[in-house]
Amino acid sequence: MIEADDMVAKIKAAVDARIDPDFVIMARTDALGVLGIDNAIERANRYREAGADLIFVEAPTTKEQMLRINREVAAPTKVIQLEGGKTPMLTVKELEEIGYNVVVYPISSLYAAAWAVKQAMEELMTKGTTANFMDRMIHFHEFNELMGLSNLRKKEISFYG
């Protein structure tokens, strides 16, 4: 974790370098787990004053901390929902009611895919086939459609003639 003054300088540099007004500068602090909530909130507000558009206080461990962050940080806030992480898993509606402006589920789909791969491989190992697992899979033609293969084939034809 860097010193707050160093982070403020980085944010100011990012703000000065911003060309696209739609480019969002998000500042993150990990101070909560190391220095406590008071320090994390103080840093978050300093980062907003430096020009950050969005604030991410990493890893609140209770709903009360989440409420306090949104009450005391004078900026739009972001939360991460990580299955098995430190932050309580709440519904998007609850997170909105607490005051969060952005919620990210950074690895949910990967965890779901890993679980499905594990289940399919267990089926193959125990039964020697995945034939009875097909109702839990996307099928060949559906997968090709999902990947946009027909559009790719059209481009190939137009390119190669």
N, C-alpha and C. Protein backbone atom coordinates (compact mmCIF):
# COMPACT_ATOMS: atom_id res chain seq x y z
N MET A 1 0.85 -1.17 0.00
CA MET A 1 0.00 0.00 0.00
C MET A 1 0.90 1.24 0.00
N ILE A 2 0.62 2.15 -0.92
CA ILE A 2 1.45 3.34 -1.02
C ILE A 2 0.94 4.42 -0.06
N GLU A 3 1.77 5.40 0.17
CA GLU A 3 1.38 6.53 1.01
C GLU A 3 0.24 7.30 0.33
N ALA A 4 -0.64 7.85 1.13
CA ALA A 4 -1.79 8.59 0.59
C ALA A 4 -1.35 9.76 -0.29
N ASP A 5 -0.29 10.46 0.11
CA ASP A 5 0.20 11.59 -0.69
C ASP A 5 0.67 11.14 -2.08
N ASP A 6 1.29 9.96 -2.14
CA ASP A 6 1.73 9.43 -3.43
C ASP A 6 0.53 9.09 -4.31
N MET A 7 -0.52 8.53 -3.70
CA MET A 7 -1.72 8.19 -4.46
C MET A 7 -2.42 9.46 -4.95
N VAL A 8 -2.47 10.47 -4.12
CA VAL A 8 -3.07 11.75 -4.53
C VAL A 8 -2.31 12.29 -5.75
N ALA A 9 -1.00 12.22 -5.72
CA ALA A 9 -0.20 12.70 -6.85
C ALA A 9 -0.50 11.90 -8.11
N LYS A 10 -0.67 10.58 -7.98
CA LYS A 10 -1.00 9.74 -9.13
C LYS A 10 -2.37 10.09 -9.70
N ILE A 11 -3.32 10.33 -8.82
CA ILE A 11 -4.67 10.69 -9.29
C ILE A 11 -4.64 12.03 -10.01
N LYS A 12 -3.94 13.00 -9.44
CA LYS A 12 -3.84 14.31 -10.09
C LYS A 12 -3.17 14.19 -11.45
N ALA A 13 -2.17 13.34 -11.57
CA ALA A 13 -1.50 13.13 -12.86
C ALA A 13 -2.47 12.50 -13.86
N ALA A 14 -3.27 11.54 -13.39
CA ALA A 14 -4.25 10.89 -14.27
C ALA A 14 -5.30 11.89 -14.73
N VAL A 15 -5.75 12.74 -13.82
CA VAL A 15 -6.75 13.76 -14.17
C VAL A 15 -6.16 14.73 -15.19
N ASP A 16 -4.92 15.15 -14.98
CA ASP A 16 -4.27 16.07 -15.92
C ASP A 16 -4.06 15.44 -17.29
N ALA A 17 -3.84 14.13 -17.32
CA ALA A 17 -3.58 13.43 -18.59
C ALA A 17 -4.85 13.00 -19.31
N ARG A 18 -5.98 13.08 -18.62
CA ARG A 18 -7.23 12.61 -19.23
C ARG A 18 -7.59 13.46 -20.45
N ILE A 19 -7.83 12.76 -21.55
CA ILE A 19 -8.23 13.41 -22.79
C ILE A 19 -9.72 13.26 -23.01
N ASP A 20 -10.22 12.06 -22.82
CA ASP A 20 -11.63 11.74 -23.03
C ASP A 20 -12.42 12.06 -21.76
N PRO A 21 -13.37 12.97 -21.82
CA PRO A 21 -14.13 13.32 -20.61
C PRO A 21 -14.98 12.18 -20.08
N ASP A 22 -15.22 11.15 -20.90
CA ASP A 22 -15.98 9.98 -20.45
C ASP A 22 -15.11 8.94 -19.76
N PHE A 23 -13.80 9.14 -19.77
CA PHE A 23 -12.88 8.21 -19.10
C PHE A 23 -13.01 8.38 -17.59
N VAL A 24 -13.32 7.28 -16.91
CA VAL A 24 -13.54 7.32 -15.46
C VAL A 24 -12.26 6.96 -14.73
N ILE A 25 -11.89 7.80 -13.79
CA ILE A 25 -10.73 7.53 -12.94
C ILE A 25 -11.24 7.00 -11.62
N MET A 26 -10.89 5.74 -11.36
CA MET A 26 -11.30 5.11 -10.12
C MET A 26 -10.09 5.00 -9.20
N ALA A 27 -10.28 5.40 -7.96
CA ALA A 27 -9.22 5.27 -6.97
C ALA A 27 -9.58 4.16 -6.00
N ARG A 28 -8.61 3.35 -5.70
CA ARG A 28 -8.80 2.21 -4.79
C ARG A 28 -7.91 2.40 -3.57
N THR A 29 -8.47 2.05 -2.42
CA THR A 29 -7.64 2.00 -1.23
C THR A 29 -7.83 0.66 -0.54
N ASP A 30 -6.72 0.09 -0.11
CA ASP A 30 -6.70 -1.15 0.65
C ASP A 30 -6.45 -0.87 2.13
N ALA A 31 -6.59 0.39 2.52
CA ALA A 31 -6.26 0.80 3.88
C ALA A 31 -7.17 0.17 4.94
N LEU A 32 -8.38 -0.17 4.58
CA LEU A 32 -9.32 -0.72 5.56
C LEU A 32 -8.74 -1.92 6.29
N GLY A 33 -8.19 -2.87 5.57
CA GLY A 33 -7.66 -4.08 6.19
C GLY A 33 -6.35 -3.87 6.91
N VAL A 34 -5.63 -2.80 6.59
CA VAL A 34 -4.32 -2.57 7.17
C VAL A 34 -4.34 -1.50 8.26
N LEU A 35 -5.02 -0.39 7.98
CA LEU A 35 -4.99 0.76 8.87
C LEU A 35 -6.33 1.10 9.50
N GLY A 36 -7.39 0.39 9.10
CA GLY A 36 -8.71 0.61 9.69
C GLY A 36 -9.61 1.48 8.85
N ILE A 37 -10.87 1.49 9.25
CA ILE A 37 -11.90 2.17 8.45
C ILE A 37 -11.74 3.69 8.45
N ASP A 38 -11.33 4.27 9.56
CA ASP A 38 -11.16 5.73 9.61
C ASP A 38 -10.14 6.18 8.57
N ASN A 39 -9.02 5.48 8.51
CA ASN A 39 -7.97 5.83 7.55
C ASN A 39 -8.46 5.59 6.13
N ALA A 40 -9.16 4.52 5.90
CA ALA A 40 -9.66 4.22 4.55
C ALA A 40 -10.61 5.31 4.07
N ILE A 41 -11.51 5.75 4.94
CA ILE A 41 -12.45 6.81 4.57
C ILE A 41 -11.72 8.12 4.34
N GLU A 42 -10.75 8.43 5.18
CA GLU A 42 -9.97 9.65 5.01
C GLU A 42 -9.26 9.63 3.65
N ARG A 43 -8.63 8.51 3.32
CA ARG A 43 -7.96 8.39 2.03
C ARG A 43 -8.95 8.52 0.89
N ALA A 44 -10.08 7.85 1.00
CA ALA A 44 -11.08 7.89 -0.07
C ALA A 44 -11.50 9.33 -0.36
N ASN A 45 -11.73 10.10 0.68
CA ASN A 45 -12.14 11.49 0.48
C ASN A 45 -11.01 12.34 -0.10
N ARG A 46 -9.79 12.06 0.28
CA ARG A 46 -8.65 12.77 -0.31
C ARG A 46 -8.54 12.44 -1.80
N TYR A 47 -8.79 11.19 -2.14
CA TYR A 47 -8.69 10.77 -3.54
C TYR A 47 -9.78 11.44 -4.38
N ARG A 48 -10.94 11.60 -3.80
CA ARG A 48 -12.02 12.31 -4.50
C ARG A 48 -11.63 13.77 -4.71
N GLU A 49 -11.11 14.39 -3.67
CA GLU A 49 -10.67 15.79 -3.77
C GLU A 49 -9.59 15.96 -4.83
N ALA A 50 -8.77 14.92 -5.01
CA ALA A 50 -7.70 14.97 -6.02
C ALA A 50 -8.25 14.80 -7.44
N GLY A 51 -9.52 14.38 -7.55
CA GLY A 51 -10.13 14.29 -8.87
C GLY A 51 -10.64 12.92 -9.28
N ALA A 52 -10.53 11.93 -8.41
CA ALA A 52 -11.05 10.60 -8.75
C ALA A 52 -12.57 10.69 -8.91
N ASP A 53 -13.09 10.01 -9.93
CA ASP A 53 -14.53 10.01 -10.21
C ASP A 53 -15.27 8.96 -9.40
N LEU A 54 -14.58 7.88 -9.06
CA LEU A 54 -15.19 6.73 -8.42
C LEU A 54 -14.22 6.21 -7.36
N ILE A 55 -14.76 5.84 -6.21
CA ILE A 55 -13.93 5.37 -5.10
C ILE A 55 -14.25 3.92 -4.78
N PHE A 56 -13.20 3.13 -4.59
CA PHE A 56 -13.32 1.73 -4.22
C PHE A 56 -12.54 1.49 -2.94
N VAL A 57 -13.26 1.32 -1.84
CA VAL A 57 -12.65 0.94 -0.57
C VAL A 57 -12.69 -0.59 -0.52
N GLU A 58 -11.53 -1.20 -0.62
CA GLU A 58 -11.41 -2.65 -0.74
C GLU A 58 -11.74 -3.37 0.57
N ALA A 59 -12.53 -4.43 0.43
CA ALA A 59 -12.77 -5.47 1.43
C ALA A 59 -13.42 -5.04 2.75
N PRO A 60 -14.54 -4.31 2.69
CA PRO A 60 -15.29 -4.16 3.94
C PRO A 60 -15.79 -5.54 4.35
N THR A 61 -15.80 -5.80 5.65
CA THR A 61 -16.15 -7.14 6.12
C THR A 61 -17.53 -7.23 6.75
N THR A 62 -18.20 -6.09 6.90
CA THR A 62 -19.54 -6.10 7.48
C THR A 62 -20.44 -5.12 6.72
N LYS A 63 -21.72 -5.35 6.82
CA LYS A 63 -22.68 -4.43 6.21
C LYS A 63 -22.57 -3.05 6.86
N GLU A 64 -22.27 -3.02 8.16
CA GLU A 64 -22.12 -1.74 8.86
C GLU A 64 -20.96 -0.94 8.27
N GLN A 65 -19.84 -1.60 7.98
CA GLN A 65 -18.72 -0.90 7.35
C GLN A 65 -19.13 -0.36 5.98
N MET A 66 -19.89 -1.15 5.24
CA MET A 66 -20.34 -0.73 3.91
C MET A 66 -21.23 0.50 4.02
N LEU A 67 -22.12 0.49 4.98
CA LEU A 67 -22.99 1.66 5.21
C LEU A 67 -22.17 2.89 5.57
N ARG A 68 -21.21 2.71 6.46
CA ARG A 68 -20.39 3.84 6.89
C ARG A 68 -19.57 4.41 5.74
N ILE A 69 -19.01 3.54 4.93
CA ILE A 69 -18.22 4.01 3.78
C ILE A 69 -19.09 4.90 2.90
N ASN A 70 -20.30 4.47 2.62
CA ASN A 70 -21.17 5.24 1.73
C ASN A 70 -21.75 6.48 2.39
N ARG A 71 -21.84 6.49 3.70
CA ARG A 71 -22.29 7.67 4.41
C ARG A 71 -21.20 8.74 4.47
N GLU A 72 -19.95 8.30 4.60
CA GLU A 72 -18.86 9.23 4.90
C GLU A 72 -17.93 9.54 3.72
N VAL A 73 -18.02 8.77 2.65
CA VAL A 73 -17.20 9.06 1.48
C VAL A 73 -18.04 9.92 0.55
N ALA A 74 -17.56 11.11 0.28
CA ALA A 74 -18.30 12.08 -0.53
C ALA A 74 -18.00 11.89 -2.02
N ALA A 75 -18.38 10.71 -2.52
CA ALA A 75 -18.11 10.39 -3.93
C ALA A 75 -18.93 9.18 -4.32
N PRO A 76 -19.11 8.96 -5.62
CA PRO A 76 -19.67 7.68 -6.06
C PRO A 76 -18.75 6.54 -5.63
N THR A 77 -19.33 5.42 -5.25
CA THR A 77 -18.55 4.31 -4.74
C THR A 77 -18.80 3.03 -5.51
N LYS A 78 -17.80 2.16 -5.44
CA LYS A 78 -17.83 0.86 -6.11
C LYS A 78 -17.62 -0.22 -5.06
N VAL A 79 -18.27 -1.37 -5.29
CA VAL A 79 -18.07 -2.53 -4.43
C VAL A 79 -17.84 -3.75 -5.32
N ILE A 80 -17.05 -4.67 -4.82
CA ILE A 80 -16.84 -5.93 -5.53
C ILE A 80 -17.53 -7.04 -4.75
N GLN A 81 -18.24 -7.87 -5.47
CA GLN A 81 -18.88 -9.05 -4.89
C GLN A 81 -18.10 -10.26 -5.38
N LEU A 82 -17.33 -10.83 -4.49
CA LEU A 82 -16.47 -11.96 -4.80
C LEU A 82 -16.89 -13.15 -3.94
N GLU A 83 -17.41 -14.16 -4.58
CA GLU A 83 -17.86 -15.34 -3.86
C GLU A 83 -16.70 -15.92 -3.05
N GLY A 84 -16.89 -16.00 -1.73
CA GLY A 84 -15.83 -16.48 -0.85
C GLY A 84 -14.91 -15.39 -0.36
N GLY A 85 -15.16 -14.14 -0.78
CA GLY A 85 -14.31 -13.02 -0.36
C GLY A 85 -14.73 -12.48 1.00
N LYS A 86 -14.10 -11.41 1.42
CA LYS A 86 -14.34 -10.82 2.73
C LYS A 86 -15.62 -9.98 2.79
N THR A 87 -16.00 -9.39 1.67
CA THR A 87 -17.15 -8.50 1.64
C THR A 87 -18.44 -9.31 1.63
N PRO A 88 -19.42 -8.93 2.47
CA PRO A 88 -20.69 -9.67 2.48
C PRO A 88 -21.34 -9.67 1.09
N MET A 89 -21.92 -10.81 0.74
CA MET A 89 -22.65 -10.94 -0.52
C MET A 89 -24.07 -10.43 -0.30
N LEU A 90 -24.41 -9.34 -0.98
CA LEU A 90 -25.73 -8.74 -0.87
C LEU A 90 -26.34 -8.68 -2.27
N THR A 91 -27.64 -8.47 -2.33
CA THR A 91 -28.27 -8.32 -3.64
C THR A 91 -27.90 -6.95 -4.20
N VAL A 92 -28.04 -6.81 -5.52
CA VAL A 92 -27.74 -5.52 -6.13
C VAL A 92 -28.68 -4.44 -5.58
N LYS A 93 -29.90 -4.82 -5.27
CA LYS A 93 -30.85 -3.86 -4.68
C LYS A 93 -30.35 -3.39 -3.31
N GLU A 94 -29.90 -4.33 -2.47
CA GLU A 94 -29.36 -3.95 -1.15
C GLU A 94 -28.14 -3.06 -1.30
N LEU A 95 -27.26 -3.38 -2.24
CA LEU A 95 -26.07 -2.57 -2.46
C LEU A 95 -26.43 -1.16 -2.91
N GLU A 96 -27.43 -1.06 -3.77
CA GLU A 96 -27.91 0.25 -4.20
C GLU A 96 -28.49 1.01 -3.02
N GLU A 97 -29.27 0.34 -2.19
CA GLU A 97 -29.87 0.99 -1.02
C GLU A 97 -28.81 1.46 -0.03
N ILE A 98 -27.72 0.71 0.09
CA ILE A 98 -26.60 1.12 0.95
C ILE A 98 -25.94 2.37 0.40
N GLY A 99 -25.97 2.52 -0.93
CA GLY A 99 -25.40 3.72 -1.54
C GLY A 99 -24.37 3.47 -2.62
N TYR A 100 -24.11 2.22 -2.94
CA TYR A 100 -23.12 1.95 -3.99
C TYR A 100 -23.66 2.34 -5.35
N ASN A 101 -22.76 2.89 -6.16
CA ASN A 101 -23.10 3.30 -7.52
C ASN A 101 -22.70 2.27 -8.56
N VAL A 102 -21.69 1.47 -8.24
CA VAL A 102 -21.18 0.44 -9.15
C VAL A 102 -20.94 -0.83 -8.35
N VAL A 103 -21.38 -1.95 -8.90
CA VAL A 103 -21.06 -3.25 -8.32
C VAL A 103 -20.45 -4.12 -9.41
N VAL A 104 -19.40 -4.85 -9.04
CA VAL A 104 -18.69 -5.68 -9.99
C VAL A 104 -18.65 -7.11 -9.44
N TYR A 105 -18.94 -8.05 -10.33
CA TYR A 105 -18.83 -9.49 -10.03
C TYR A 105 -17.68 -10.01 -10.90
N PRO A 106 -16.42 -9.82 -10.47
CA PRO A 106 -15.29 -10.02 -11.37
C PRO A 106 -14.98 -11.46 -11.75
N ILE A 107 -15.45 -12.43 -10.98
CA ILE A 107 -15.03 -13.79 -11.26
C ILE A 107 -16.18 -14.79 -11.18
N SER A 108 -17.39 -14.31 -11.02
CA SER A 108 -18.56 -15.18 -10.87
C SER A 108 -18.70 -16.16 -12.02
N SER A 109 -18.60 -15.66 -13.24
CA SER A 109 -18.79 -16.54 -14.39
C SER A 109 -17.66 -17.57 -14.49
N LEU A 110 -16.45 -17.19 -14.12
CA LEU A 110 -15.35 -18.14 -14.14
C LEU A 110 -15.57 -19.24 -13.10
N TYR A 111 -16.01 -18.86 -11.90
CA TYR A 111 -16.32 -19.87 -10.88
C TYR A 111 -17.42 -20.81 -11.36
N ALA A 112 -18.45 -20.26 -11.99
CA ALA A 112 -19.54 -21.09 -12.49
C ALA A 112 -19.03 -22.03 -13.59
N ALA A 113 -18.20 -21.52 -14.47
CA ALA A 113 -17.65 -22.35 -15.54
C ALA A 113 -16.75 -23.45 -14.97
N ALA A 114 -15.93 -23.11 -13.98
CA ALA A 114 -15.06 -24.11 -13.35
C ALA A 114 -15.89 -25.21 -12.69
N TRP A 115 -16.98 -24.82 -12.03
CA TRP A 115 -17.85 -25.81 -11.40
C TRP A 115 -18.44 -26.74 -12.46
N ALA A 116 -18.90 -26.17 -13.57
CA ALA A 116 -19.48 -26.97 -14.65
C ALA A 116 -18.45 -27.91 -15.26
N VAL A 117 -17.23 -27.43 -15.48
CA VAL A 117 -16.16 -28.27 -16.02
C VAL A 117 -15.88 -29.42 -15.05
N LYS A 118 -15.81 -29.11 -13.77
CA LYS A 118 -15.58 -30.14 -12.76
C LYS A 118 -16.67 -31.20 -12.81
N GLN A 119 -17.93 -30.77 -12.89
CA GLN A 119 -19.05 -31.71 -12.96
C GLN A 119 -18.98 -32.57 -14.22
N ALA A 120 -18.67 -31.96 -15.35
CA ALA A 120 -18.59 -32.70 -16.61
C ALA A 120 -17.46 -33.72 -16.57
N MET A 121 -16.32 -33.32 -16.03
CA MET A 121 -15.18 -34.24 -15.97
C MET A 121 -15.43 -35.38 -14.99
N GLU A 122 -16.15 -35.10 -13.89
CA GLU A 122 -16.52 -36.17 -12.96
C GLU A 122 -17.46 -37.16 -13.65
N GLU A 123 -18.39 -36.65 -14.45
CA GLU A 123 -19.30 -37.51 -15.21
C GLU A 123 -18.51 -38.39 -16.18
N LEU A 124 -17.56 -37.80 -16.87
CA LEU A 124 -16.75 -38.55 -17.82
C LEU A 124 -15.91 -39.61 -17.10
N MET A 125 -15.34 -39.23 -15.98
CA MET A 125 -14.49 -40.18 -15.24
C MET A 125 -15.30 -41.34 -14.66
N THR A 126 -16.48 -41.06 -14.14
CA THR A 126 -17.26 -42.12 -13.49
C THR A 126 -18.06 -42.96 -14.48
N LYS A 127 -18.53 -42.33 -15.57
CA LYS A 127 -19.40 -43.06 -16.49
C LYS A 127 -18.73 -43.39 -17.82
N GLY A 128 -17.59 -42.76 -18.08
CA GLY A 128 -16.90 -43.03 -19.33
C GLY A 128 -17.49 -42.33 -20.54
N THR A 129 -18.47 -41.44 -20.31
CA THR A 129 -19.11 -40.69 -21.38
C THR A 129 -19.81 -39.47 -20.78
N THR A 130 -20.08 -38.51 -21.62
CA THR A 130 -20.86 -37.34 -21.18
C THR A 130 -22.27 -37.36 -21.75
N ALA A 131 -22.66 -38.48 -22.32
CA ALA A 131 -23.97 -38.59 -22.98
C ALA A 131 -25.13 -38.20 -22.07
N ASN A 132 -25.06 -38.58 -20.80
CA ASN A 132 -26.15 -38.25 -19.86
C ASN A 132 -25.98 -36.87 -19.23
N PHE A 133 -25.00 -36.13 -19.67
CA PHE A 133 -24.72 -34.79 -19.12
C PHE A 133 -25.12 -33.70 -20.11
N MET A 134 -25.57 -34.11 -21.28
CA MET A 134 -25.81 -33.14 -22.36
C MET A 134 -26.91 -32.14 -22.05
N ASP A 135 -27.84 -32.46 -21.14
CA ASP A 135 -28.88 -31.49 -20.78
C ASP A 135 -28.32 -30.34 -19.95
N ARG A 136 -27.06 -30.43 -19.55
CA ARG A 136 -26.40 -29.38 -18.77
C ARG A 136 -25.29 -28.71 -19.57
N MET A 137 -25.34 -28.89 -20.88
CA MET A 137 -24.32 -28.32 -21.77
C MET A 137 -24.97 -27.51 -22.89
N ILE A 138 -24.21 -26.58 -23.42
CA ILE A 138 -24.59 -25.95 -24.67
C ILE A 138 -24.12 -26.91 -25.77
N HIS A 139 -24.88 -27.02 -26.83
CA HIS A 139 -24.56 -28.00 -27.86
C HIS A 139 -23.79 -27.35 -29.01
N PHE A 140 -23.26 -28.17 -29.87
CA PHE A 140 -22.36 -27.77 -30.94
C PHE A 140 -22.87 -26.56 -31.73
N HIS A 141 -24.07 -26.66 -32.27
CA HIS A 141 -24.60 -25.58 -33.11
C HIS A 141 -24.91 -24.33 -32.29
N GLU A 142 -25.40 -24.51 -31.07
CA GLU A 142 -25.66 -23.36 -30.19
C GLU A 142 -24.36 -22.65 -29.84
N PHE A 143 -23.32 -23.43 -29.59
CA PHE A 143 -22.02 -22.84 -29.27
C PHE A 143 -21.47 -22.05 -30.44
N ASN A 144 -21.56 -22.62 -31.62
CA ASN A 144 -21.09 -21.92 -32.82
C ASN A 144 -21.85 -20.61 -33.01
N GLU A 145 -23.15 -20.63 -32.75
CA GLU A 145 -23.96 -19.42 -32.87
C GLU A 145 -23.56 -18.39 -31.81
N LEU A 146 -23.36 -18.86 -30.60
CA LEU A 146 -22.93 -17.99 -29.51
C LEU A 146 -21.61 -17.29 -29.84
N MET A 147 -20.71 -18.03 -30.48
CA MET A 147 -19.39 -17.49 -30.82
C MET A 147 -19.42 -16.64 -32.09
N GLY A 148 -20.57 -16.61 -32.79
CA GLY A 148 -20.68 -15.81 -34.01
C GLY A 148 -19.97 -16.44 -35.19
N LEU A 149 -19.89 -17.76 -35.22
CA LEU A 149 -19.18 -18.45 -36.28
C LEU A 149 -19.77 -18.16 -37.66
N SER A 150 -21.09 -18.06 -37.77
CA SER A 150 -21.68 -17.80 -39.09
C SER A 150 -21.23 -16.44 -39.63
N ASN A 151 -21.10 -15.45 -38.78
CA ASN A 151 -20.62 -14.14 -39.23
C ASN A 151 -19.15 -14.22 -39.66
N LEU A 152 -18.38 -14.99 -38.92
CA LEU A 152 -16.98 -15.17 -39.28
C LEU A 152 -16.86 -15.86 -40.64
N ARG A 153 -17.67 -16.85 -40.86
CA ARG A 153 -17.66 -17.56 -42.15
C ARG A 153 -18.04 -16.60 -43.29
N LYS A 154 -19.01 -15.74 -43.08
CA LYS A 154 -19.39 -14.76 -44.10
C LYS A 154 -18.23 -13.82 -44.41
N LYS A 155 -17.51 -13.39 -43.38
CA LYS A 155 -16.35 -12.53 -43.60
C LYS A 155 -15.26 -13.25 -44.37
N GLU A 156 -15.05 -14.53 -44.03
CA GLU A 156 -14.06 -15.32 -44.76
C GLU A 156 -14.40 -15.41 -46.24
N ILE A 157 -15.68 -15.66 -46.53
CA ILE A 157 -16.13 -15.79 -47.91
C ILE A 157 -15.93 -14.46 -48.65
N SER A 158 -16.29 -13.36 -48.02
CA SER A 158 -16.14 -12.06 -48.68
C SER A 158 -14.67 -11.69 -48.86
N PHE A 159 -13.82 -12.13 -47.94
CA PHE A 159 -12.40 -11.80 -48.02
C PHE A 159 -11.69 -12.69 -49.04
N TYR A 160 -11.98 -13.99 -48.99
CA TYR A 160 -11.27 -14.94 -49.85
C TYR A 160 -12.02 -15.22 -51.16
N GLY A 161 -13.27 -14.82 -51.21
CA GLY A 161 -14.03 -15.00 -52.44
C GLY A 161 -14.64 -16.30 -52.60
